[in-house]
Amino acid sequence: MSSLLAALAAIFLFPRFERFVERRILGMPLPPTHLLRIYSTRIAASPDLPGLVQLLKDEVFPSLLVRQAVLLRFDDWKRLVPLDAMGMGAADLPTERDVPALLAQAGKFRPALDPGDAPFPCPWARLVLPLNVGDELVGLLLLGRRDPDDFYGQVEIPTLEAIAAQTAVALTHTLHAEQLRALNQANIERHENERTSLARGLHDQVLQEMAAMLLHIDNPPPQFDRDSQNLVNNLRRVISGLRPAMLDHGLHGALRQLAYDLEDRASDGLVVKFDVPESTARFEPQVEQHLFRIIQQAAGNAMKHACARTISIGGRVEPGAVDLTVEDDGVGFVAREKMELDDLLADKHYGLVGLHERAEIIGGRLQIDSAPGKGTRVQVTWTPLV
């Protein structure tokens, strides 16, 4: 009877014991049998380059008991760029000249060199896996020392090649996404420069010429005076929209003026609150401009879409940190737990994408919280570089 109980205990407890050994002793975070499926899911959930590299380094390679690995990509000029070198130094990395010899041994176990063997590049690498997307070679994955015997069996190499193929696709996707993001950020900067230039031209030339022209009109009729003043006021509003003049005197003053302007435009029943303590802190013009635009656009989105009764602008503007929020009590929307840029694009929240990209341009952080019927809260934080 005791033998039967021992056998049953072994049957039920061995998988848990095996998993404990894999996790705690061998350092294998992911179950090898499900590695491909889990890896694919994790890539989809974390589609950025640092996240991809971290996933390989912290989970995939340890699950395979790999202790040495190098991930490289080719740039636009076909130069090898190391993305991560786990357990290796700069002297161990291949060069562009080594690529043909490495590709000739791709997908085959490379045993250690014996005395008298002809040398080959990166002798530490036991397995070379090309990263291909279609017919294009986008990078290399070199795997080296592995517990317990540095061996990569022929049976498991297809699984490793499948991981390399998934890595190649993910790498290409993340690089393209970063390039598009950089282009879009450059477009935002160019757009802001054009707005500033246009505002300056309207103020320094058009307004001045209009004022001079009005001085030369003798005995204008009352209607003319009213119309010309309305024209000047409208032009000043356009100039302020292109680049708020109050930004010349600091971020706090510009935000306070924004709250006044929003209150003037607000429909009946909408209350605009402003609760940012007085501050004379000044920052780089680009930083002040993007922080202002983030709050301006977030408040504008709330006025247009939230059906809110109250819009609150709050936070603090201090020399060592900026923390600003726009909060409304409107209809809200279904928000993911972590609203990153790719999530906003996937959910078609294009009005919030620009806020996120402006925060990235200045090295800030944007947090968006919302739920149906519970309003929306947009928070931007920024810390000056010391």
Protein backbone atom coordinates (compact mmCIF):
# COMPACT_ATOMS: atom_id res chain seq x y z
CA MET A 1 0.00 0.00 0.00
CA SER A 2 2.82 2.39 0.89
CA SER A 3 4.47 1.62 -2.45
CA LEU A 4 1.26 2.52 -4.28
CA LEU A 5 0.96 5.80 -2.38
CA ALA A 6 4.59 6.60 -3.13
CA ALA A 7 4.04 5.88 -6.82
CA LEU A 8 0.94 8.10 -6.95
CA ALA A 9 2.77 10.88 -5.12
CA ALA A 10 5.63 10.66 -7.58
CA ILE A 11 3.25 10.82 -10.54
CA PHE A 12 1.43 13.91 -9.27
CA LEU A 13 4.32 15.74 -7.63
CA PHE A 14 7.10 15.12 -10.15
CA PRO A 15 5.88 17.76 -12.68
CA ARG A 16 5.83 20.36 -9.92
CA PHE A 17 9.26 19.27 -8.69
CA GLU A 18 10.59 19.38 -12.26
CA ARG A 19 9.19 22.87 -12.74
CA PHE A 20 10.73 23.96 -9.42
CA VAL A 21 14.15 22.70 -10.53
CA GLU A 22 13.76 24.41 -13.92
CA ARG A 23 12.77 27.74 -12.37
CA ARG A 24 14.82 27.91 -9.15
CA ILE A 25 17.93 25.88 -9.90
CA LEU A 26 18.40 25.94 -13.67
CA GLY A 27 16.90 29.41 -14.18
CA MET A 28 14.35 28.46 -16.87
CA PRO A 29 11.44 30.96 -16.66
CA LEU A 30 9.42 29.59 -19.59
CA PRO A 31 8.33 25.96 -20.13
CA PRO A 32 10.41 24.68 -23.09
CA THR A 33 7.48 22.72 -24.50
CA HIS A 34 5.45 25.92 -24.86
CA LEU A 35 8.31 28.28 -25.62
CA LEU A 36 7.34 29.07 -29.21
CA ARG A 37 3.71 29.83 -28.38
CA ILE A 38 4.55 31.92 -25.33
CA TYR A 39 7.32 33.76 -27.16
CA SER A 40 4.95 34.72 -29.98
CA THR A 41 2.39 36.02 -27.48
CA ARG A 42 4.98 38.02 -25.57
CA ILE A 43 6.32 39.61 -28.75
CA ALA A 44 2.82 40.76 -29.68
CA ALA A 45 2.34 42.23 -26.20
CA SER A 46 5.70 44.04 -26.16
CA PRO A 47 6.44 45.23 -29.71
CA ASP A 48 9.36 47.57 -28.96
CA LEU A 49 13.08 46.95 -29.41
CA PRO A 50 14.14 47.17 -25.73
CA GLY A 51 11.27 44.87 -24.78
CA LEU A 52 12.23 42.36 -27.47
CA VAL A 53 15.87 42.29 -26.37
CA GLN A 54 14.87 42.00 -22.70
CA LEU A 55 12.51 39.12 -23.47
CA LEU A 56 15.27 37.18 -25.22
CA LYS A 57 17.83 37.91 -22.54
CA ASP A 58 15.72 37.35 -19.43
CA GLU A 59 13.36 34.59 -20.47
CA VAL A 60 13.96 32.87 -23.81
CA PHE A 61 17.70 32.23 -23.52
CA PRO A 62 17.53 31.10 -19.86
CA SER A 63 14.67 28.74 -20.75
CA LEU A 64 17.01 27.12 -23.28
CA LEU A 65 19.91 27.13 -20.76
CA VAL A 66 21.84 29.40 -23.13
CA ARG A 67 24.45 31.46 -21.28
CA GLN A 68 26.13 33.20 -24.23
CA ALA A 69 24.23 34.88 -27.06
CA VAL A 70 24.69 37.79 -29.44
CA LEU A 71 21.86 39.48 -31.35
CA LEU A 72 22.86 41.67 -34.29
CA ARG A 73 21.00 43.55 -37.00
CA PHE A 74 22.03 45.12 -40.29
CA ASP A 75 21.54 48.86 -40.63
CA ASP A 76 20.63 50.67 -43.85
CA TRP A 77 24.27 50.53 -44.98
CA LYS A 78 24.52 46.76 -44.29
CA ARG A 79 26.70 47.29 -41.26
CA LEU A 80 26.33 44.93 -38.31
CA VAL A 81 24.88 46.63 -35.25
CA PRO A 82 24.93 44.67 -31.95
CA LEU A 83 21.63 44.85 -30.07
CA ASP A 84 22.69 42.65 -27.16
CA ALA A 85 25.76 40.59 -26.25
CA MET A 86 24.94 38.32 -23.34
CA GLY A 87 28.12 37.00 -21.74
CA MET A 88 30.35 38.33 -24.53
CA GLY A 89 32.66 41.31 -25.02
CA ALA A 90 33.17 43.65 -27.96
CA ALA A 91 36.21 41.64 -29.14
CA ASP A 92 34.01 38.54 -29.54
CA LEU A 93 31.57 40.14 -31.97
CA PRO A 94 31.67 39.41 -35.71
CA THR A 95 32.37 41.97 -38.41
CA GLU A 96 30.80 42.36 -41.84
CA ARG A 97 33.70 40.37 -43.31
CA ASP A 98 32.79 37.40 -41.11
CA VAL A 99 29.20 37.15 -42.34
CA PRO A 100 29.76 34.86 -45.39
CA ALA A 101 31.71 32.33 -43.30
CA LEU A 102 29.11 32.41 -40.54
CA LEU A 103 26.24 31.92 -42.98
CA ALA A 104 28.06 28.94 -44.50
CA GLN A 105 27.76 27.22 -41.11
CA ALA A 106 24.23 28.41 -40.31
CA GLY A 107 21.86 25.89 -38.74
CA LYS A 108 24.63 23.43 -37.87
CA PHE A 109 26.22 22.69 -34.52
CA ARG A 110 29.76 24.08 -34.43
CA PRO A 111 31.96 22.06 -32.06
CA ALA A 112 34.94 23.63 -30.35
CA LEU A 113 38.08 23.91 -32.46
CA ASP A 114 40.60 21.12 -32.09
CA PRO A 115 44.33 21.79 -32.42
CA GLY A 116 45.20 21.98 -36.11
CA ASP A 117 41.66 22.88 -37.24
CA ALA A 118 41.33 25.81 -39.61
CA PRO A 119 40.11 28.86 -37.66
CA PHE A 120 36.64 30.25 -38.27
CA PRO A 121 35.02 33.48 -37.08
CA CYS A 122 33.48 33.64 -33.62
CA PRO A 123 34.75 30.23 -32.46
CA TRP A 124 32.77 30.64 -29.24
CA ALA A 125 29.47 30.45 -31.17
CA ARG A 126 28.08 26.92 -31.24
CA LEU A 127 25.10 27.78 -33.44
CA VAL A 128 24.59 30.49 -36.08
CA LEU A 129 21.00 31.44 -36.89
CA PRO A 130 20.32 33.93 -39.70
CA LEU A 131 17.44 36.35 -39.18
CA ASN A 132 15.59 36.37 -42.48
CA VAL A 133 12.40 38.14 -43.50
CA GLY A 134 11.52 36.71 -46.87
CA ASP A 135 14.70 36.83 -48.93
CA GLU A 136 16.22 39.65 -46.89
CA LEU A 137 18.87 39.00 -44.25
CA VAL A 138 18.09 41.46 -41.44
CA GLY A 139 20.43 40.16 -38.75
CA LEU A 140 22.17 37.28 -37.00
CA LEU A 141 21.62 35.37 -33.78
CA LEU A 142 24.72 33.61 -32.42
CA LEU A 143 24.32 31.13 -29.56
CA GLY A 144 27.34 30.07 -27.50
CA ARG A 145 27.91 28.37 -24.16
CA ARG A 146 24.99 26.29 -22.97
CA ASP A 147 24.38 24.19 -19.88
CA PRO A 148 25.27 21.46 -19.27
CA ASP A 149 27.55 20.49 -22.19
CA ASP A 150 27.50 23.34 -24.78
CA PHE A 151 25.64 21.06 -27.21
CA TYR A 152 22.79 21.96 -29.59
CA GLY A 153 21.14 18.78 -30.85
CA GLN A 154 19.92 18.44 -34.40
CA VAL A 155 16.41 17.64 -33.14
CA GLU A 156 16.05 20.98 -31.35
CA ILE A 157 17.68 23.18 -34.00
CA PRO A 158 14.39 23.56 -35.97
CA THR A 159 12.77 25.01 -32.82
CA LEU A 160 15.66 27.45 -32.45
CA GLU A 161 15.35 28.38 -36.13
CA ALA A 162 11.64 29.05 -35.62
CA ILE A 163 12.49 31.34 -32.69
CA ALA A 164 15.02 33.11 -34.93
CA ALA A 165 12.35 33.55 -37.62
CA GLN A 166 9.93 35.08 -35.10
CA THR A 167 12.71 37.32 -33.83
CA ALA A 168 13.47 38.51 -37.37
CA VAL A 169 9.86 39.50 -38.00
CA ALA A 170 9.57 41.22 -34.61
CA LEU A 171 12.88 43.01 -35.13
CA THR A 172 11.81 44.31 -38.53
CA HIS A 173 8.46 45.45 -37.15
CA THR A 174 9.98 47.32 -34.21
CA LEU A 175 12.63 49.01 -36.35
CA HIS A 176 10.04 50.16 -38.88
CA ALA A 177 7.82 51.42 -36.05
CA GLU A 178 10.73 53.38 -34.58
CA GLN A 179 11.56 54.89 -37.96
CA LEU A 180 7.94 55.94 -38.49
CA ARG A 181 7.83 57.40 -34.99
CA ALA A 182 11.01 59.38 -35.62
CA LEU A 183 9.61 60.70 -38.90
CA ASN A 184 6.35 61.69 -37.24
CA GLN A 185 8.17 63.43 -34.40
CA ALA A 186 10.28 65.32 -36.93
CA ASN A 187 7.04 66.31 -38.67
CA ILE A 188 5.62 67.61 -35.38
CA GLU A 189 8.76 69.69 -34.83
CA ARG A 190 8.63 71.04 -38.38
CA HIS A 191 4.94 71.86 -37.97
CA GLU A 192 5.62 73.76 -34.73
CA ASN A 193 8.45 75.71 -36.38
CA GLU A 194 6.15 76.65 -39.26
CA ARG A 195 3.42 77.77 -36.85
CA THR A 196 5.91 79.90 -34.93
CA SER A 197 7.25 81.45 -38.12
CA LEU A 198 3.74 82.17 -39.41
CA ALA A 199 2.66 83.68 -36.09
CA ARG A 200 5.70 85.93 -36.06
CA GLY A 201 5.05 87.03 -39.65
CA LEU A 202 1.39 87.82 -38.98
CA HIS A 203 2.25 89.78 -35.86
CA ASP A 204 5.30 91.68 -37.11
CA GLN A 205 4.09 92.40 -40.63
CA VAL A 206 0.37 91.97 -41.25
CA LEU A 207 -0.87 93.50 -37.99
CA GLN A 208 1.57 96.39 -38.23
CA GLU A 209 0.66 97.10 -41.85
CA MET A 210 -3.05 96.98 -41.01
CA ALA A 211 -2.53 99.46 -38.17
CA ALA A 212 -0.61 101.81 -40.46
CA MET A 213 -3.29 101.52 -43.15
CA LEU A 214 -6.08 102.37 -40.70
CA LEU A 215 -4.26 105.51 -39.62
CA HIS A 216 -4.42 106.86 -43.18
CA ILE A 217 -8.20 106.60 -43.46
CA ASP A 218 -9.90 109.91 -42.68
CA ASN A 219 -13.31 110.00 -41.06
CA PRO A 220 -14.11 106.27 -41.36
CA PRO A 221 -17.77 105.33 -40.78
CA PRO A 222 -18.63 103.68 -37.43
CA GLN A 223 -19.28 100.32 -39.12
CA PHE A 224 -15.79 100.41 -40.59
CA ASP A 225 -14.26 100.95 -37.15
CA ARG A 226 -16.19 98.01 -35.71
CA ASP A 227 -15.36 95.71 -38.61
CA SER A 228 -11.68 96.63 -38.63
CA GLN A 229 -11.41 96.06 -34.87
CA ASN A 230 -13.13 92.67 -35.22
CA LEU A 231 -10.66 91.80 -37.97
CA VAL A 232 -7.72 92.74 -35.75
CA ASN A 233 -9.14 90.76 -32.82
CA ASN A 234 -9.70 87.69 -35.00
CA LEU A 235 -6.18 87.94 -36.35
CA ARG A 236 -4.79 88.16 -32.82
CA ARG A 237 -6.71 85.00 -31.90
CA VAL A 238 -5.24 83.21 -34.92
CA ILE A 239 -1.75 84.31 -33.90
CA SER A 240 -2.35 83.15 -30.33
CA GLY A 241 -3.51 79.76 -31.62
CA LEU A 242 -0.38 79.40 -33.72
CA ARG A 243 1.89 80.29 -30.82
CA PRO A 244 0.54 81.68 -27.55
CA ALA A 245 2.25 84.97 -26.74
CA MET A 246 2.05 84.12 -23.03
CA LEU A 247 4.66 81.39 -23.56
CA ASP A 248 7.18 84.19 -23.86
CA HIS A 249 6.54 84.86 -20.16
CA GLY A 250 6.57 81.24 -18.96
CA LEU A 251 4.62 78.00 -19.00
CA HIS A 252 2.47 78.76 -15.96
CA GLY A 253 1.15 82.03 -17.39
CA ALA A 254 0.40 80.39 -20.74
CA LEU A 255 -1.55 77.59 -19.05
CA ARG A 256 -3.53 80.06 -16.96
CA GLN A 257 -4.41 82.03 -20.10
CA LEU A 258 -5.41 78.76 -21.78
CA ALA A 259 -7.86 78.09 -18.95
CA TYR A 260 -9.36 81.57 -19.39
CA ASP A 261 -9.70 81.04 -23.15
CA LEU A 262 -11.34 77.64 -22.64
CA GLU A 263 -13.79 79.19 -20.20
CA ASP A 264 -14.71 81.86 -22.75
CA ARG A 265 -15.37 79.18 -25.38
CA ALA A 266 -17.17 76.79 -23.05
CA SER A 267 -20.80 75.96 -23.66
CA ASP A 268 -23.43 76.64 -21.02
CA GLY A 269 -23.00 74.41 -18.01
CA LEU A 270 -19.33 73.54 -18.63
CA VAL A 271 -16.95 74.65 -15.86
CA VAL A 272 -13.21 74.99 -16.48
CA LYS A 273 -11.04 74.83 -13.35
CA PHE A 274 -7.38 75.80 -13.06
CA ASP A 275 -5.35 74.65 -10.07
CA VAL A 276 -1.63 75.04 -10.77
CA PRO A 277 0.27 76.99 -8.08
CA GLU A 278 1.99 80.17 -9.25
CA SER A 279 5.43 79.50 -10.71
CA THR A 280 8.17 81.47 -12.43
CA ALA A 281 10.09 78.34 -13.51
CA ARG A 282 11.40 78.52 -17.06
CA PHE A 283 12.57 75.74 -19.36
CA GLU A 284 13.82 75.36 -22.91
CA PRO A 285 11.33 76.92 -25.38
CA GLN A 286 10.80 73.56 -27.09
CA VAL A 287 9.92 71.90 -23.76
CA GLU A 288 7.48 74.64 -22.75
CA GLN A 289 5.87 74.56 -26.17
CA HIS A 290 5.28 70.79 -26.18
CA LEU A 291 4.02 70.73 -22.58
CA PHE A 292 1.61 73.54 -23.40
CA ARG A 293 0.39 71.77 -26.56
CA ILE A 294 -0.21 68.53 -24.63
CA ILE A 295 -2.45 70.31 -22.12
CA GLN A 296 -4.11 72.39 -24.84
CA GLN A 297 -4.93 69.35 -26.99
CA ALA A 298 -6.04 67.22 -24.04
CA ALA A 299 -8.41 69.98 -22.88
CA GLY A 300 -9.60 70.52 -26.45
CA ASN A 301 -10.34 66.81 -26.83
CA ALA A 302 -12.34 66.92 -23.59
CA MET A 303 -14.39 69.90 -24.81
CA LYS A 304 -15.15 68.25 -28.16
CA HIS A 305 -15.77 64.65 -27.22
CA ALA A 306 -16.24 64.13 -23.47
CA CYS A 307 -19.69 65.74 -22.95
CA ALA A 308 -18.26 66.82 -19.59
CA ARG A 309 -19.64 69.19 -16.96
CA THR A 310 -16.18 69.99 -15.58
CA ILE A 311 -12.69 70.14 -17.08
CA SER A 312 -9.87 70.59 -14.57
CA ILE A 313 -6.28 71.61 -15.33
CA GLY A 314 -4.05 70.91 -12.34
CA GLY A 315 -0.58 69.97 -11.19
CA ARG A 316 2.66 71.81 -10.59
CA VAL A 317 5.36 73.58 -12.59
CA GLU A 318 8.59 73.58 -10.59
CA PRO A 319 12.26 74.03 -11.57
CA GLY A 320 12.98 70.37 -10.81
CA ALA A 321 9.84 68.75 -12.24
CA VAL A 322 6.64 69.36 -14.16
CA ASP A 323 3.52 67.32 -13.39
CA LEU A 324 0.33 68.43 -15.16
CA THR A 325 -3.09 66.85 -15.57
CA VAL A 326 -6.26 67.44 -17.55
CA GLU A 327 -9.24 65.68 -16.02
CA ASP A 328 -12.89 65.62 -17.04
CA ASP A 329 -16.07 63.99 -15.74
CA GLY A 330 -17.36 63.07 -19.18
CA VAL A 331 -18.32 59.88 -20.96
CA GLY A 332 -14.83 58.34 -20.94
CA PHE A 333 -13.82 55.34 -23.02
CA VAL A 334 -12.48 51.81 -22.65
CA ALA A 335 -8.77 52.22 -21.88
CA ARG A 336 -6.17 49.50 -21.63
CA GLU A 337 -4.30 49.08 -18.37
CA LYS A 338 -1.19 50.57 -20.00
CA MET A 339 -1.95 53.00 -22.82
CA GLU A 340 1.28 53.08 -24.83
CA LEU A 341 1.66 54.65 -28.27
CA ASP A 342 1.07 51.38 -30.14
CA ASP A 343 -2.07 50.74 -28.07
CA LEU A 344 -3.46 54.18 -28.98
CA LEU A 345 -2.84 53.51 -32.67
CA ALA A 346 -4.38 50.04 -32.47
CA ASP A 347 -7.50 51.44 -30.72
CA LYS A 348 -7.69 54.36 -33.22
CA HIS A 349 -7.35 57.06 -30.55
CA TYR A 350 -5.56 59.29 -33.02
CA GLY A 351 -6.29 62.45 -31.04
CA LEU A 352 -4.20 61.04 -28.17
CA VAL A 353 -1.34 59.82 -30.36
CA GLY A 354 0.00 63.35 -30.85
CA LEU A 355 0.04 63.89 -27.07
CA HIS A 356 2.10 60.74 -26.59
CA GLU A 357 4.56 61.67 -29.32
CA ARG A 358 5.04 65.20 -27.96
CA ALA A 359 5.84 63.71 -24.55
CA GLU A 360 8.38 61.38 -26.15
CA ILE A 361 10.06 64.25 -28.02
CA ILE A 362 10.96 66.03 -24.78
CA GLY A 363 11.66 62.85 -22.79
CA GLY A 364 8.48 63.10 -20.75
CA ARG A 365 5.93 60.49 -19.74
CA LEU A 366 2.24 60.46 -20.60
CA GLN A 367 -0.35 58.52 -18.63
CA ILE A 368 -3.96 58.17 -19.80
CA ASP A 369 -6.67 56.74 -17.54
CA SER A 370 -10.30 56.41 -18.56
CA ALA A 371 -13.37 54.24 -18.21
CA PRO A 372 -16.88 54.43 -19.69
CA GLY A 373 -18.96 56.86 -17.66
CA LYS A 374 -16.05 57.82 -15.41
CA GLY A 375 -14.31 60.50 -17.42
CA THR A 376 -10.72 60.73 -18.62
CA ARG A 377 -7.49 61.80 -16.95
CA VAL A 378 -4.40 62.76 -18.99
CA GLN A 379 -1.19 63.27 -17.03
CA VAL A 380 2.17 64.43 -18.38
CA THR A 381 5.32 64.42 -16.25
CA TRP A 382 8.72 65.77 -17.21
CA THR A 383 12.00 66.13 -15.35
CA PRO A 384 14.84 68.33 -16.61
CA LEU A 385 18.12 66.60 -17.38
CA VAL A 386 20.74 67.59 -14.84
